[in-house]
N, C-alpha and C. Protein backbone atom coordinates (compact mmCIF):
# COMPACT_ATOMS: atom_id res chain seq x y z
N UNK A 1 -1.56 -17.10 8.28
CA UNK A 1 -1.65 -15.68 8.52
C UNK A 1 -0.34 -15.20 9.15
N UNK A 2 0.11 -14.04 8.71
CA UNK A 2 1.35 -13.45 9.23
C UNK A 2 1.12 -12.87 10.62
N UNK A 3 2.15 -12.94 11.43
CA UNK A 3 2.07 -12.43 12.80
C UNK A 3 3.00 -11.23 12.95
N UNK A 4 2.50 -10.15 13.55
CA UNK A 4 3.34 -9.00 13.86
C UNK A 4 4.13 -9.35 15.11
N UNK A 5 5.46 -9.38 14.97
CA UNK A 5 6.32 -9.80 16.07
C UNK A 5 6.84 -8.64 16.90
N UNK A 6 7.15 -7.53 16.23
CA UNK A 6 7.61 -6.36 16.98
C UNK A 6 7.39 -5.11 16.15
N UNK A 7 7.37 -3.98 16.87
CA UNK A 7 7.13 -2.70 16.22
C UNK A 7 7.85 -1.62 17.00
N UNK A 8 8.55 -0.76 16.28
CA UNK A 8 9.19 0.41 16.86
C UNK A 8 9.21 1.50 15.79
N UNK A 9 9.62 2.68 16.15
CA UNK A 9 9.61 3.78 15.19
C UNK A 9 10.38 3.40 13.92
N UNK A 10 9.69 3.45 12.77
CA UNK A 10 10.32 3.18 11.49
C UNK A 10 10.63 1.73 11.19
N UNK A 11 10.12 0.80 12.00
CA UNK A 11 10.47 -0.60 11.82
C UNK A 11 9.35 -1.49 12.35
N UNK A 12 9.02 -2.52 11.54
CA UNK A 12 8.04 -3.51 11.98
C UNK A 12 8.52 -4.88 11.50
N UNK A 13 8.39 -5.89 12.34
CA UNK A 13 8.78 -7.26 11.99
C UNK A 13 7.51 -8.08 11.89
N UNK A 14 7.29 -8.67 10.71
CA UNK A 14 6.09 -9.46 10.43
C UNK A 14 6.52 -10.79 9.84
N UNK A 15 6.15 -11.87 10.48
CA UNK A 15 6.48 -13.19 9.97
C UNK A 15 7.97 -13.40 9.74
N UNK A 16 8.80 -12.82 10.60
CA UNK A 16 10.24 -12.98 10.48
C UNK A 16 10.92 -12.01 9.53
N UNK A 17 10.14 -11.21 8.82
CA UNK A 17 10.70 -10.22 7.89
C UNK A 17 10.60 -8.82 8.49
N UNK A 18 11.67 -8.04 8.32
CA UNK A 18 11.71 -6.67 8.82
C UNK A 18 11.37 -5.71 7.71
N UNK A 19 10.48 -4.77 8.01
CA UNK A 19 10.06 -3.74 7.05
C UNK A 19 10.37 -2.37 7.64
N UNK A 20 10.89 -1.49 6.79
CA UNK A 20 11.19 -0.12 7.23
C UNK A 20 10.38 0.90 6.44
N UNK A 21 9.44 0.41 5.67
CA UNK A 21 8.49 1.26 4.94
C UNK A 21 7.09 0.89 5.40
N UNK A 22 6.11 1.73 5.10
CA UNK A 22 4.73 1.45 5.48
C UNK A 22 4.24 0.16 4.83
N UNK A 23 3.35 -0.55 5.50
CA UNK A 23 2.89 -1.86 5.04
C UNK A 23 1.37 -1.98 5.10
N UNK A 24 0.87 -2.91 4.30
CA UNK A 24 -0.49 -3.42 4.43
C UNK A 24 -0.32 -4.91 4.70
N UNK A 25 -0.89 -5.39 5.79
CA UNK A 25 -0.80 -6.81 6.14
C UNK A 25 -2.10 -7.48 5.73
N UNK A 26 -1.97 -8.44 4.82
CA UNK A 26 -3.12 -9.20 4.33
C UNK A 26 -2.98 -10.65 4.76
N UNK A 27 -4.05 -11.44 4.75
CA UNK A 27 -3.95 -12.83 5.18
C UNK A 27 -2.88 -13.64 4.43
N UNK A 28 -2.67 -13.33 3.16
CA UNK A 28 -1.72 -14.12 2.37
C UNK A 28 -0.37 -13.43 2.17
N UNK A 29 -0.12 -12.33 2.85
CA UNK A 29 1.18 -11.69 2.70
C UNK A 29 1.18 -10.23 3.11
N UNK A 30 2.32 -9.59 2.85
CA UNK A 30 2.52 -8.20 3.23
C UNK A 30 2.78 -7.38 1.98
N UNK A 31 2.09 -6.28 1.85
CA UNK A 31 2.28 -5.37 0.72
C UNK A 31 3.13 -4.19 1.22
N UNK A 32 4.33 -4.04 0.66
CA UNK A 32 5.22 -2.96 1.06
C UNK A 32 6.17 -2.63 -0.08
N UNK A 33 6.51 -1.40 -0.31
CA UNK A 33 6.09 -0.23 0.45
C UNK A 33 4.68 0.19 0.06
N UNK A 34 3.96 0.71 1.03
CA UNK A 34 2.60 1.20 0.82
C UNK A 34 2.65 2.72 0.72
N UNK A 35 2.35 3.22 -0.46
CA UNK A 35 2.36 4.67 -0.70
C UNK A 35 0.93 5.18 -0.72
N UNK A 36 0.73 6.31 -0.11
CA UNK A 36 -0.58 6.93 -0.08
C UNK A 36 -0.60 8.19 -0.93
N UNK A 37 -1.77 8.54 -1.37
CA UNK A 37 -1.97 9.71 -2.22
C UNK A 37 -1.43 10.97 -1.56
N UNK A 38 -1.61 11.05 -0.25
CA UNK A 38 -1.27 12.28 0.47
C UNK A 38 -0.60 11.96 1.81
N UNK A 39 0.55 11.33 1.76
CA UNK A 39 1.36 11.08 2.95
C UNK A 39 0.62 10.66 4.20
N UNK A 40 0.38 11.60 5.10
CA UNK A 40 -0.22 11.29 6.39
C UNK A 40 -1.72 11.53 6.45
N UNK A 41 -2.39 11.45 5.31
CA UNK A 41 -3.84 11.58 5.25
C UNK A 41 -4.39 10.43 4.41
N UNK A 42 -5.22 9.59 5.00
CA UNK A 42 -5.73 8.41 4.32
C UNK A 42 -6.90 8.76 3.40
N UNK A 43 -6.85 8.24 2.18
CA UNK A 43 -7.93 8.37 1.20
C UNK A 43 -8.41 6.96 0.87
N UNK A 44 -9.65 6.83 0.43
CA UNK A 44 -10.18 5.51 0.07
C UNK A 44 -9.31 4.81 -0.96
N UNK A 45 -8.82 5.54 -1.95
CA UNK A 45 -8.01 4.91 -3.00
C UNK A 45 -6.69 4.36 -2.46
N UNK A 46 -6.27 4.80 -1.28
CA UNK A 46 -5.05 4.26 -0.67
C UNK A 46 -5.24 2.81 -0.22
N UNK A 47 -6.47 2.38 -0.14
CA UNK A 47 -6.78 1.02 0.32
C UNK A 47 -7.09 0.06 -0.83
N UNK A 48 -6.67 0.41 -2.03
CA UNK A 48 -6.98 -0.40 -3.23
C UNK A 48 -6.53 -1.85 -3.09
N UNK A 49 -5.41 -2.10 -2.41
CA UNK A 49 -4.91 -3.47 -2.24
C UNK A 49 -5.77 -4.26 -1.25
N UNK A 50 -6.52 -3.57 -0.43
CA UNK A 50 -7.33 -4.23 0.60
C UNK A 50 -8.70 -4.65 0.06
N UNK A 51 -9.29 -3.85 -0.82
CA UNK A 51 -10.66 -4.10 -1.28
C UNK A 51 -10.88 -5.49 -1.88
N UNK A 52 -9.99 -6.03 -2.72
CA UNK A 52 -10.24 -7.36 -3.28
C UNK A 52 -10.33 -8.46 -2.21
N UNK A 53 -9.71 -8.25 -1.07
CA UNK A 53 -9.72 -9.24 0.01
C UNK A 53 -11.05 -9.21 0.76
N UNK A 54 -11.72 -8.05 0.77
CA UNK A 54 -13.01 -7.87 1.44
C UNK A 54 -12.97 -8.34 2.90
N UNK A 55 -12.07 -7.75 3.70
CA UNK A 55 -11.93 -8.22 5.08
C UNK A 55 -13.14 -7.88 5.94
N UNK A 56 -13.43 -8.75 6.90
CA UNK A 56 -14.50 -8.48 7.86
C UNK A 56 -14.07 -7.41 8.86
N UNK A 57 -12.76 -7.34 9.09
CA UNK A 57 -12.18 -6.37 10.02
C UNK A 57 -11.02 -5.67 9.33
N UNK A 58 -10.94 -4.36 9.51
CA UNK A 58 -9.83 -3.57 8.96
C UNK A 58 -9.25 -2.74 10.09
N UNK A 59 -7.98 -2.96 10.38
CA UNK A 59 -7.28 -2.19 11.41
C UNK A 59 -6.36 -1.22 10.69
N UNK A 60 -6.51 0.06 10.98
CA UNK A 60 -5.68 1.08 10.34
C UNK A 60 -4.77 1.68 11.40
N UNK A 61 -3.48 1.42 11.27
CA UNK A 61 -2.51 2.02 12.17
C UNK A 61 -2.19 3.44 11.72
N UNK A 62 -1.97 4.30 12.67
CA UNK A 62 -1.70 5.70 12.33
C UNK A 62 -0.25 6.09 12.55
N UNK A 63 0.61 5.08 12.69
CA UNK A 63 2.04 5.35 12.85
C UNK A 63 2.45 5.45 14.31
N UNK A 64 3.74 5.37 14.53
CA UNK A 64 4.31 5.36 15.87
C UNK A 64 3.87 6.57 16.69
N UNK A 65 3.83 7.73 16.05
CA UNK A 65 3.45 8.97 16.74
C UNK A 65 2.00 9.36 16.49
N UNK A 66 1.25 8.52 15.77
CA UNK A 66 -0.16 8.80 15.50
C UNK A 66 -0.38 9.96 14.55
N UNK A 67 0.54 10.15 13.62
CA UNK A 67 0.50 11.31 12.73
C UNK A 67 -0.50 11.14 11.58
N UNK A 68 -0.67 9.91 11.08
CA UNK A 68 -1.58 9.73 9.95
C UNK A 68 -3.02 9.95 10.39
N UNK A 69 -3.74 10.74 9.62
CA UNK A 69 -5.14 11.03 9.91
C UNK A 69 -6.06 10.19 9.04
N UNK A 70 -7.14 9.74 9.63
CA UNK A 70 -8.18 9.01 8.91
C UNK A 70 -9.44 9.89 8.99
N UNK A 71 -9.78 10.56 7.89
CA UNK A 71 -10.94 11.46 7.92
C UNK A 71 -12.24 10.72 8.22
N UNK A 72 -13.17 11.42 8.84
CA UNK A 72 -14.49 10.84 9.12
C UNK A 72 -15.15 10.32 7.85
N UNK A 73 -14.94 11.00 6.73
CA UNK A 73 -15.55 10.57 5.47
C UNK A 73 -15.06 9.18 5.05
N UNK A 74 -13.80 8.86 5.31
CA UNK A 74 -13.26 7.54 4.99
C UNK A 74 -13.88 6.50 5.92
N UNK A 75 -13.96 6.81 7.19
CA UNK A 75 -14.56 5.88 8.15
C UNK A 75 -16.02 5.60 7.79
N UNK A 76 -16.75 6.64 7.45
CA UNK A 76 -18.16 6.48 7.07
C UNK A 76 -18.30 5.61 5.83
N UNK A 77 -17.44 5.83 4.84
CA UNK A 77 -17.52 5.02 3.61
C UNK A 77 -17.16 3.57 3.89
N UNK A 78 -16.16 3.33 4.73
CA UNK A 78 -15.79 1.96 5.07
C UNK A 78 -16.90 1.26 5.84
N UNK A 79 -17.64 1.99 6.64
CA UNK A 79 -18.73 1.40 7.42
C UNK A 79 -20.01 1.19 6.62
N UNK A 80 -20.08 1.76 5.42
CA UNK A 80 -21.31 1.63 4.64
C UNK A 80 -21.35 0.36 3.82
């Protein structure tokens, strides 16, 4: 499993690799760049790379300044 080593605005280091674009961290690697349908608003289809893994836990970061929004409808669907 990859380890997040450091994080700052616009930069994250995971498993010794530096990323300057948004990422999805999966048990077997990192998916980057991660593009969303609507920039700072999460939609279920934005998580297409995550669904095949079927994780028991999903942590959604909202960015350094907390700008990305996760609508209640997405949270409800993920919990169902």
